[in-house]
Every structure is written in C-alpha cells, then in structure tokens.
Amino acid sequence: MKARIRPVEGCALIWNYSSQQEGWPALQAACEQHGLRLQPVDTSHVGHTIGALCQLKDASPVATLQHLEETTYPPALILHGLERKKLDGFLKQLHAGQVKIPLKAMVTPSNQNWTLANLLQELCREREEFAKRAKAAQEKMAQNNTDENPV
C-alpha cells in the first residue's frame, strides 16, 4: 500500500485589514481560487509564532506574550503554501481587485518560528530601508540630470 502525502493547507494571515474594506471580496476570492485559508489576525495573536498561526505541523506554539497596537503597523499579508509559480498571478489578482496591503511576506523555514510581532517589525524595517534606497536613487538621478543640463 502506498502512503499518501497530503499537501499542507495553504493559509493567508491578514493583519489590520477588515472585511469592511473595499478590497476584501477580491482578497477572499483570490485566496479561495488559490486554495488559501484566509485567517485574520489581530493583537491577540502577536505572541504566537507564524508557524502556529498557519497550523504548521512542527511549529512552535505561543512564543511570548507581547503587546502591539494594531494601528502601529499597516496592513500585512503573510502567505504559506502558495507555489512560487502561482505567486505572480495571485498578486496580480489582488492588484486588479484594489486590494491595498503594503506589507507582504511568505512563510519560510527562517521566519516560521518568529512571532507575528517580530515579523511585522521586520517587514516595516525592510519597507523603510527600501524607501530610503529609492529616495537616494531618485536624488542621484536628479543630481545627474542637473549636472548634465546646467541652467
């Protein structure tokens, strides 16, 4: 008899994005179409590990008790179980449905044992770093244009 390996159910953890927002129906539809269980998370979940929230088999449970204000971090979407080749289509579907979620992440072996609070903090730090780099690049381009075309 052959053993059957059941695929891990995918999940989409959604932070600070209510079902009253314009893009919610599109988010739900995209998750359903891609086999992702949509699970809202809030301040009561910040001390739980990402793996536990996604119900991963080997996940650590609650790591710490942490307090975090929901308004501290912008909306975030944390995905598990979505194949890389399907990710672009999923993101395009969200964009077409006016789903505006600035922070996005995939669950990895590295971050599955992080708490939700830790992952949100890291996503915000990375976003700020990208914004700084983009601003520096724009300033450099503007400076180069000024140097090439003096008034």
N, C-alpha and C. Protein backbone atom coordinates (compact mmCIF):
# COMPACT_ATOMS: atom_id res chain seq x y z
N MET A 1 0.85 -1.17 0.00
CA MET A 1 0.00 0.00 0.00
C MET A 1 0.90 1.24 0.00
N LYS A 2 0.60 2.18 -0.87
CA LYS A 2 1.39 3.40 -0.95
C LYS A 2 0.89 4.41 0.07
N ALA A 3 1.85 5.06 0.69
CA ALA A 3 1.49 6.15 1.61
C ALA A 3 1.16 7.38 0.78
N ARG A 4 0.14 8.06 1.19
CA ARG A 4 -0.23 9.29 0.51
C ARG A 4 0.16 10.47 1.38
N ILE A 5 0.84 11.39 0.75
CA ILE A 5 1.23 12.60 1.47
C ILE A 5 0.23 13.68 1.12
N ARG A 6 -0.45 14.14 2.13
CA ARG A 6 -1.41 15.21 1.90
C ARG A 6 -0.67 16.54 1.84
N PRO A 7 -0.99 17.36 0.86
CA PRO A 7 -0.32 18.66 0.81
C PRO A 7 -0.75 19.51 2.01
N VAL A 8 0.17 20.34 2.46
CA VAL A 8 -0.13 21.24 3.56
C VAL A 8 -1.13 22.27 3.08
N GLU A 9 -2.16 22.49 3.88
CA GLU A 9 -3.15 23.51 3.52
C GLU A 9 -2.47 24.87 3.56
N GLY A 10 -2.69 25.62 2.50
CA GLY A 10 -2.14 26.97 2.46
C GLY A 10 -2.94 27.91 3.33
N CYS A 11 -2.29 28.96 3.76
CA CYS A 11 -3.02 29.96 4.55
C CYS A 11 -2.53 31.35 4.19
N ALA A 12 -3.38 32.31 4.44
CA ALA A 12 -3.08 33.71 4.24
C ALA A 12 -3.46 34.43 5.53
N LEU A 13 -2.45 34.80 6.30
CA LEU A 13 -2.70 35.57 7.52
C LEU A 13 -2.86 37.03 7.11
N ILE A 14 -3.92 37.66 7.57
CA ILE A 14 -4.16 39.06 7.21
C ILE A 14 -4.22 39.91 8.47
N TRP A 15 -3.38 40.92 8.52
CA TRP A 15 -3.24 41.81 9.68
C TRP A 15 -3.78 43.19 9.33
N ASN A 16 -4.61 43.75 10.20
CA ASN A 16 -5.05 45.14 10.11
C ASN A 16 -5.74 45.46 8.78
N TYR A 17 -6.58 44.55 8.32
CA TYR A 17 -7.33 44.74 7.08
C TYR A 17 -8.70 44.13 7.30
N SER A 18 -9.69 44.98 7.45
CA SER A 18 -11.01 44.49 7.86
C SER A 18 -11.85 44.03 6.67
N SER A 19 -12.84 43.24 7.00
CA SER A 19 -13.76 42.74 5.97
C SER A 19 -14.64 43.85 5.42
N GLN A 20 -14.58 45.04 6.01
CA GLN A 20 -15.35 46.18 5.54
C GLN A 20 -14.61 46.96 4.46
N GLN A 21 -13.34 46.65 4.24
CA GLN A 21 -12.56 47.40 3.27
C GLN A 21 -12.91 46.99 1.84
N GLU A 22 -12.74 47.93 0.94
CA GLU A 22 -13.15 47.77 -0.46
C GLU A 22 -12.57 46.50 -1.11
N GLY A 23 -11.34 46.17 -0.82
CA GLY A 23 -10.70 45.05 -1.48
C GLY A 23 -10.96 43.68 -0.87
N TRP A 24 -11.71 43.65 0.25
CA TRP A 24 -11.91 42.37 0.95
C TRP A 24 -12.50 41.27 0.05
N PRO A 25 -13.58 41.54 -0.72
CA PRO A 25 -14.12 40.47 -1.56
C PRO A 25 -13.09 39.92 -2.55
N ALA A 26 -12.27 40.79 -3.10
CA ALA A 26 -11.24 40.34 -4.05
C ALA A 26 -10.17 39.51 -3.33
N LEU A 27 -9.83 39.89 -2.11
CA LEU A 27 -8.87 39.13 -1.32
C LEU A 27 -9.42 37.74 -1.03
N GLN A 28 -10.67 37.68 -0.60
CA GLN A 28 -11.32 36.39 -0.33
C GLN A 28 -11.34 35.51 -1.58
N ALA A 29 -11.71 36.10 -2.71
CA ALA A 29 -11.81 35.34 -3.96
C ALA A 29 -10.44 34.81 -4.38
N ALA A 30 -9.42 35.63 -4.27
CA ALA A 30 -8.06 35.20 -4.65
C ALA A 30 -7.59 34.06 -3.76
N CYS A 31 -7.86 34.17 -2.47
CA CYS A 31 -7.46 33.11 -1.54
C CYS A 31 -8.19 31.81 -1.85
N GLU A 32 -9.49 31.90 -2.09
CA GLU A 32 -10.27 30.69 -2.42
C GLU A 32 -9.75 30.05 -3.70
N GLN A 33 -9.51 30.86 -4.71
CA GLN A 33 -9.05 30.35 -6.00
C GLN A 33 -7.70 29.65 -5.89
N HIS A 34 -6.86 30.12 -4.97
CA HIS A 34 -5.51 29.55 -4.83
C HIS A 34 -5.40 28.57 -3.66
N GLY A 35 -6.54 28.20 -3.08
CA GLY A 35 -6.54 27.20 -2.01
C GLY A 35 -5.92 27.67 -0.71
N LEU A 36 -6.05 28.96 -0.43
CA LEU A 36 -5.51 29.52 0.81
C LEU A 36 -6.64 29.81 1.80
N ARG A 37 -6.45 29.38 3.03
CA ARG A 37 -7.40 29.67 4.10
C ARG A 37 -7.10 31.09 4.58
N LEU A 38 -8.05 32.00 4.44
CA LEU A 38 -7.87 33.39 4.86
C LEU A 38 -8.13 33.49 6.35
N GLN A 39 -7.12 33.91 7.09
CA GLN A 39 -7.24 33.98 8.55
C GLN A 39 -6.85 35.37 9.05
N PRO A 40 -7.83 36.16 9.47
CA PRO A 40 -7.49 37.44 10.08
C PRO A 40 -6.75 37.23 11.40
N VAL A 41 -5.73 38.04 11.63
CA VAL A 41 -5.00 38.02 12.89
C VAL A 41 -5.03 39.43 13.47
N ASP A 42 -5.02 39.51 14.80
CA ASP A 42 -5.09 40.81 15.45
C ASP A 42 -4.14 40.83 16.65
N THR A 43 -4.32 41.81 17.50
CA THR A 43 -3.40 41.98 18.63
C THR A 43 -3.38 40.78 19.57
N SER A 44 -4.42 39.97 19.57
CA SER A 44 -4.41 38.78 20.44
C SER A 44 -3.48 37.69 19.91
N HIS A 45 -2.99 37.84 18.69
CA HIS A 45 -2.13 36.83 18.06
C HIS A 45 -0.66 37.21 18.02
N VAL A 46 -0.29 38.40 18.46
CA VAL A 46 1.08 38.89 18.23
C VAL A 46 2.16 38.06 18.89
N GLY A 47 1.85 37.34 19.96
CA GLY A 47 2.84 36.50 20.62
C GLY A 47 2.92 35.09 20.06
N HIS A 48 2.04 34.75 19.13
CA HIS A 48 2.05 33.42 18.50
C HIS A 48 3.09 33.39 17.38
N THR A 49 3.65 32.22 17.16
CA THR A 49 4.58 32.08 16.04
C THR A 49 3.79 32.02 14.74
N ILE A 50 4.46 32.41 13.67
CA ILE A 50 3.85 32.36 12.35
C ILE A 50 3.46 30.93 12.01
N GLY A 51 4.33 29.99 12.32
CA GLY A 51 4.05 28.58 12.05
C GLY A 51 2.81 28.09 12.78
N ALA A 52 2.65 28.50 14.03
CA ALA A 52 1.46 28.10 14.79
C ALA A 52 0.20 28.71 14.19
N LEU A 53 0.28 29.97 13.79
CA LEU A 53 -0.88 30.63 13.19
C LEU A 53 -1.28 29.97 11.87
N CYS A 54 -0.29 29.46 11.14
CA CYS A 54 -0.56 28.75 9.88
C CYS A 54 -0.83 27.27 10.10
N GLN A 55 -0.81 26.84 11.36
CA GLN A 55 -1.06 25.45 11.74
C GLN A 55 -0.08 24.49 11.08
N LEU A 56 1.20 24.88 11.06
CA LEU A 56 2.24 24.00 10.53
C LEU A 56 2.52 22.91 11.53
N LYS A 57 2.80 21.72 11.05
CA LYS A 57 2.94 20.53 11.89
C LYS A 57 4.02 20.68 12.96
N ASP A 58 5.19 21.16 12.60
CA ASP A 58 6.30 21.24 13.54
C ASP A 58 6.47 22.62 14.16
N ALA A 59 5.44 23.42 14.14
CA ALA A 59 5.56 24.80 14.60
C ALA A 59 5.61 24.90 16.12
N SER A 60 6.38 25.88 16.57
CA SER A 60 6.37 26.21 17.99
C SER A 60 5.06 26.91 18.29
N PRO A 61 4.51 26.71 19.49
CA PRO A 61 3.24 27.39 19.82
C PRO A 61 3.51 28.86 20.17
N VAL A 62 2.81 29.35 21.14
CA VAL A 62 2.98 30.73 21.57
C VAL A 62 4.41 30.90 22.08
N ALA A 63 5.10 31.87 21.53
CA ALA A 63 6.49 32.09 21.93
C ALA A 63 6.56 33.02 23.14
N THR A 64 5.87 34.13 23.07
CA THR A 64 5.91 35.11 24.15
C THR A 64 4.59 35.85 24.20
N LEU A 65 4.35 36.47 25.31
CA LEU A 65 3.22 37.38 25.40
C LEU A 65 3.74 38.76 25.04
N GLN A 66 3.20 39.33 24.01
CA GLN A 66 3.63 40.64 23.57
C GLN A 66 2.40 41.51 23.38
N HIS A 67 2.62 42.80 23.51
CA HIS A 67 1.54 43.75 23.29
C HIS A 67 1.91 44.59 22.07
N LEU A 68 0.96 44.77 21.19
CA LEU A 68 1.21 45.52 19.97
C LEU A 68 -0.09 46.20 19.59
N GLU A 69 -0.01 47.47 19.30
CA GLU A 69 -1.20 48.19 18.86
C GLU A 69 -1.43 47.88 17.38
N GLU A 70 -2.67 47.57 17.03
CA GLU A 70 -2.98 47.24 15.64
C GLU A 70 -2.68 48.40 14.71
N THR A 71 -2.83 49.61 15.21
CA THR A 71 -2.58 50.78 14.37
C THR A 71 -1.10 51.06 14.19
N THR A 72 -0.24 50.37 14.93
CA THR A 72 1.19 50.59 14.83
C THR A 72 1.71 50.16 13.46
N TYR A 73 1.18 49.12 12.91
CA TYR A 73 1.67 48.58 11.65
C TYR A 73 0.58 48.62 10.59
N PRO A 74 0.98 48.91 9.34
CA PRO A 74 -0.01 48.91 8.26
C PRO A 74 -0.48 47.49 7.95
N PRO A 75 -1.49 47.37 7.11
CA PRO A 75 -1.97 46.05 6.74
C PRO A 75 -0.85 45.16 6.20
N ALA A 76 -0.93 43.88 6.56
CA ALA A 76 0.08 42.91 6.12
C ALA A 76 -0.60 41.62 5.70
N LEU A 77 0.00 40.96 4.73
CA LEU A 77 -0.47 39.67 4.23
C LEU A 77 0.70 38.70 4.28
N ILE A 78 0.53 37.61 5.01
CA ILE A 78 1.60 36.62 5.19
C ILE A 78 1.09 35.31 4.60
N LEU A 79 1.77 34.82 3.58
CA LEU A 79 1.30 33.67 2.81
C LEU A 79 2.11 32.42 3.09
N HIS A 80 1.41 31.30 3.17
CA HIS A 80 2.06 30.00 3.29
C HIS A 80 1.35 29.01 2.36
N GLY A 81 2.14 28.21 1.65
CA GLY A 81 1.55 27.15 0.83
C GLY A 81 1.18 27.58 -0.58
N LEU A 82 1.63 28.75 -1.00
CA LEU A 82 1.37 29.21 -2.36
C LEU A 82 2.65 28.98 -3.16
N GLU A 83 2.54 28.18 -4.21
CA GLU A 83 3.71 27.87 -5.03
C GLU A 83 4.24 29.13 -5.69
N ARG A 84 5.56 29.20 -5.80
CA ARG A 84 6.22 30.37 -6.38
C ARG A 84 5.67 30.71 -7.76
N LYS A 85 5.41 29.69 -8.57
CA LYS A 85 4.93 29.94 -9.94
C LYS A 85 3.52 30.52 -9.96
N LYS A 86 2.78 30.41 -8.86
CA LYS A 86 1.43 30.96 -8.80
C LYS A 86 1.38 32.32 -8.08
N LEU A 87 2.50 32.71 -7.48
CA LEU A 87 2.53 33.94 -6.69
C LEU A 87 2.23 35.18 -7.53
N ASP A 88 2.85 35.31 -8.70
CA ASP A 88 2.63 36.48 -9.53
C ASP A 88 1.16 36.64 -9.92
N GLY A 89 0.52 35.53 -10.30
CA GLY A 89 -0.90 35.58 -10.64
C GLY A 89 -1.76 35.99 -9.46
N PHE A 90 -1.42 35.48 -8.29
CA PHE A 90 -2.15 35.83 -7.06
C PHE A 90 -2.02 37.34 -6.80
N LEU A 91 -0.80 37.86 -6.88
CA LEU A 91 -0.58 39.29 -6.63
C LEU A 91 -1.26 40.17 -7.67
N LYS A 92 -1.26 39.73 -8.93
CA LYS A 92 -1.96 40.48 -9.98
C LYS A 92 -3.45 40.51 -9.71
N GLN A 93 -3.98 39.40 -9.23
CA GLN A 93 -5.40 39.32 -8.90
C GLN A 93 -5.73 40.30 -7.77
N LEU A 94 -4.87 40.39 -6.77
CA LEU A 94 -5.10 41.35 -5.68
C LEU A 94 -5.06 42.78 -6.21
N HIS A 95 -4.09 43.08 -7.05
CA HIS A 95 -3.96 44.42 -7.61
C HIS A 95 -5.20 44.80 -8.42
N ALA A 96 -5.67 43.88 -9.24
CA ALA A 96 -6.86 44.13 -10.06
C ALA A 96 -8.10 44.34 -9.19
N GLY A 97 -8.13 43.72 -8.03
CA GLY A 97 -9.27 43.84 -7.12
C GLY A 97 -9.15 44.99 -6.13
N GLN A 98 -8.18 45.89 -6.35
CA GLN A 98 -8.00 47.06 -5.49
C GLN A 98 -7.66 46.69 -4.04
N VAL A 99 -6.95 45.58 -3.86
CA VAL A 99 -6.53 45.17 -2.52
C VAL A 99 -5.22 45.90 -2.22
N LYS A 100 -5.27 46.81 -1.26
CA LYS A 100 -4.09 47.62 -0.94
C LYS A 100 -3.51 47.17 0.40
N ILE A 101 -2.51 46.31 0.32
CA ILE A 101 -1.84 45.79 1.50
C ILE A 101 -0.34 46.03 1.30
N PRO A 102 0.23 47.00 2.02
CA PRO A 102 1.62 47.37 1.77
C PRO A 102 2.67 46.35 2.21
N LEU A 103 2.38 45.56 3.23
CA LEU A 103 3.37 44.60 3.73
C LEU A 103 2.96 43.20 3.31
N LYS A 104 3.88 42.50 2.64
CA LYS A 104 3.60 41.12 2.21
C LYS A 104 4.82 40.27 2.50
N ALA A 105 4.57 39.01 2.86
CA ALA A 105 5.67 38.08 3.14
C ALA A 105 5.22 36.66 2.86
N MET A 106 6.20 35.82 2.61
CA MET A 106 5.98 34.38 2.50
C MET A 106 6.54 33.74 3.77
N VAL A 107 5.88 32.70 4.25
CA VAL A 107 6.40 31.95 5.39
C VAL A 107 7.58 31.12 4.89
N THR A 108 8.68 31.20 5.61
CA THR A 108 9.90 30.46 5.25
C THR A 108 10.35 29.65 6.46
N PRO A 109 11.26 28.70 6.25
CA PRO A 109 11.81 27.99 7.41
C PRO A 109 12.46 28.95 8.41
N SER A 110 12.99 30.07 7.91
CA SER A 110 13.64 31.04 8.79
C SER A 110 12.65 31.81 9.66
N ASN A 111 11.50 32.19 9.08
CA ASN A 111 10.59 33.05 9.84
C ASN A 111 9.40 32.33 10.46
N GLN A 112 9.24 31.03 10.23
CA GLN A 112 8.05 30.35 10.77
C GLN A 112 8.05 30.28 12.29
N ASN A 113 9.21 30.41 12.92
CA ASN A 113 9.25 30.41 14.39
C ASN A 113 9.35 31.80 14.98
N TRP A 114 9.23 32.82 14.15
CA TRP A 114 9.15 34.20 14.64
C TRP A 114 7.73 34.44 15.13
N THR A 115 7.60 35.36 16.06
CA THR A 115 6.26 35.76 16.46
C THR A 115 5.69 36.69 15.39
N LEU A 116 4.39 36.82 15.39
CA LEU A 116 3.75 37.76 14.47
C LEU A 116 4.31 39.15 14.68
N ALA A 117 4.50 39.55 15.93
CA ALA A 117 5.04 40.88 16.23
C ALA A 117 6.42 41.06 15.61
N ASN A 118 7.28 40.06 15.75
CA ASN A 118 8.63 40.15 15.19
C ASN A 118 8.61 40.26 13.67
N LEU A 119 7.74 39.49 13.02
CA LEU A 119 7.68 39.54 11.56
C LEU A 119 7.15 40.90 11.09
N LEU A 120 6.13 41.43 11.75
CA LEU A 120 5.61 42.75 11.37
C LEU A 120 6.69 43.82 11.54
N GLN A 121 7.44 43.75 12.63
CA GLN A 121 8.52 44.71 12.85
C GLN A 121 9.56 44.62 11.73
N GLU A 122 9.94 43.41 11.36
CA GLU A 122 10.94 43.21 10.31
C GLU A 122 10.43 43.69 8.96
N LEU A 123 9.17 43.42 8.65
CA LEU A 123 8.60 43.88 7.38
C LEU A 123 8.60 45.41 7.30
N CYS A 124 8.27 46.07 8.40
CA CYS A 124 8.28 47.54 8.42
C CYS A 124 9.70 48.07 8.27
N ARG A 125 10.66 47.43 8.93
CA ARG A 125 12.05 47.86 8.83
C ARG A 125 12.54 47.73 7.38
N GLU A 126 12.22 46.61 6.75
CA GLU A 126 12.63 46.40 5.36
C GLU A 126 11.97 47.42 4.44
N ARG A 127 10.71 47.70 4.68
CA ARG A 127 9.99 48.67 3.84
C ARG A 127 10.61 50.06 3.96
N GLU A 128 10.97 50.45 5.18
CA GLU A 128 11.63 51.74 5.38
C GLU A 128 12.98 51.78 4.67
N GLU A 129 13.72 50.69 4.72
CA GLU A 129 15.02 50.61 4.05
C GLU A 129 14.87 50.73 2.54
N PHE A 130 13.87 50.04 1.96
CA PHE A 130 13.62 50.15 0.52
C PHE A 130 13.24 51.58 0.15
N ALA A 131 12.43 52.24 0.98
CA ALA A 131 12.02 53.62 0.71
C ALA A 131 13.24 54.55 0.73
N LYS A 132 14.14 54.35 1.68
CA LYS A 132 15.37 55.16 1.74
C LYS A 132 16.21 54.97 0.49
N ARG A 133 16.36 53.72 0.06
CA ARG A 133 17.15 53.44 -1.14
C ARG A 133 16.51 54.07 -2.38
N ALA A 134 15.20 53.98 -2.49
CA ALA A 134 14.50 54.56 -3.63
C ALA A 134 14.67 56.07 -3.65
N LYS A 135 14.57 56.70 -2.48
CA LYS A 135 14.73 58.15 -2.39
C LYS A 135 16.15 58.55 -2.78
N ALA A 136 17.13 57.81 -2.29
CA ALA A 136 18.53 58.10 -2.62
C ALA A 136 18.77 57.96 -4.13
N ALA A 137 18.18 56.94 -4.74
CA ALA A 137 18.33 56.74 -6.18
C ALA A 137 17.69 57.88 -6.96
N GLN A 138 16.52 58.34 -6.52
CA GLN A 138 15.85 59.46 -7.19
C GLN A 138 16.68 60.73 -7.07
N GLU A 139 17.23 60.97 -5.88
CA GLU A 139 18.06 62.16 -5.68
C GLU A 139 19.30 62.10 -6.55
N LYS A 140 19.89 60.93 -6.68
CA LYS A 140 21.09 60.77 -7.52
C LYS A 140 20.74 61.03 -8.98
N MET A 141 19.60 60.51 -9.44
CA MET A 141 19.18 60.75 -10.82
C MET A 141 18.93 62.23 -11.06
N ALA A 142 18.28 62.89 -10.11
CA ALA A 142 18.01 64.32 -10.24
C ALA A 142 19.32 65.10 -10.29
N GLN A 143 20.28 64.72 -9.47
CA GLN A 143 21.58 65.39 -9.45
C GLN A 143 22.30 65.18 -10.79
N ASN A 144 22.25 63.95 -11.31
CA ASN A 144 22.88 63.66 -12.60
C ASN A 144 22.24 64.48 -13.72
N ASN A 145 20.92 64.62 -13.68
CA ASN A 145 20.22 65.42 -14.70
C ASN A 145 20.62 66.88 -14.60
N THR A 146 20.79 67.39 -13.39
CA THR A 146 21.20 68.78 -13.18
C THR A 146 22.63 68.98 -13.69
N ASP A 147 23.50 68.02 -13.42
CA ASP A 147 24.90 68.11 -13.87
C ASP A 147 25.00 68.09 -15.39
N GLU A 148 24.15 67.29 -16.04
CA GLU A 148 24.18 67.17 -17.49
C GLU A 148 23.54 68.36 -18.19
N ASN A 149 22.56 68.99 -17.54
CA ASN A 149 21.82 70.10 -18.14
C ASN A 149 21.86 71.32 -17.24
N PRO A 150 23.02 71.96 -17.09
CA PRO A 150 23.06 73.14 -16.21
C PRO A 150 22.22 74.27 -16.79
N VAL A 151 21.63 75.05 -15.93
CA VAL A 151 20.74 76.13 -16.36
C VAL A 151 21.52 77.33 -16.77
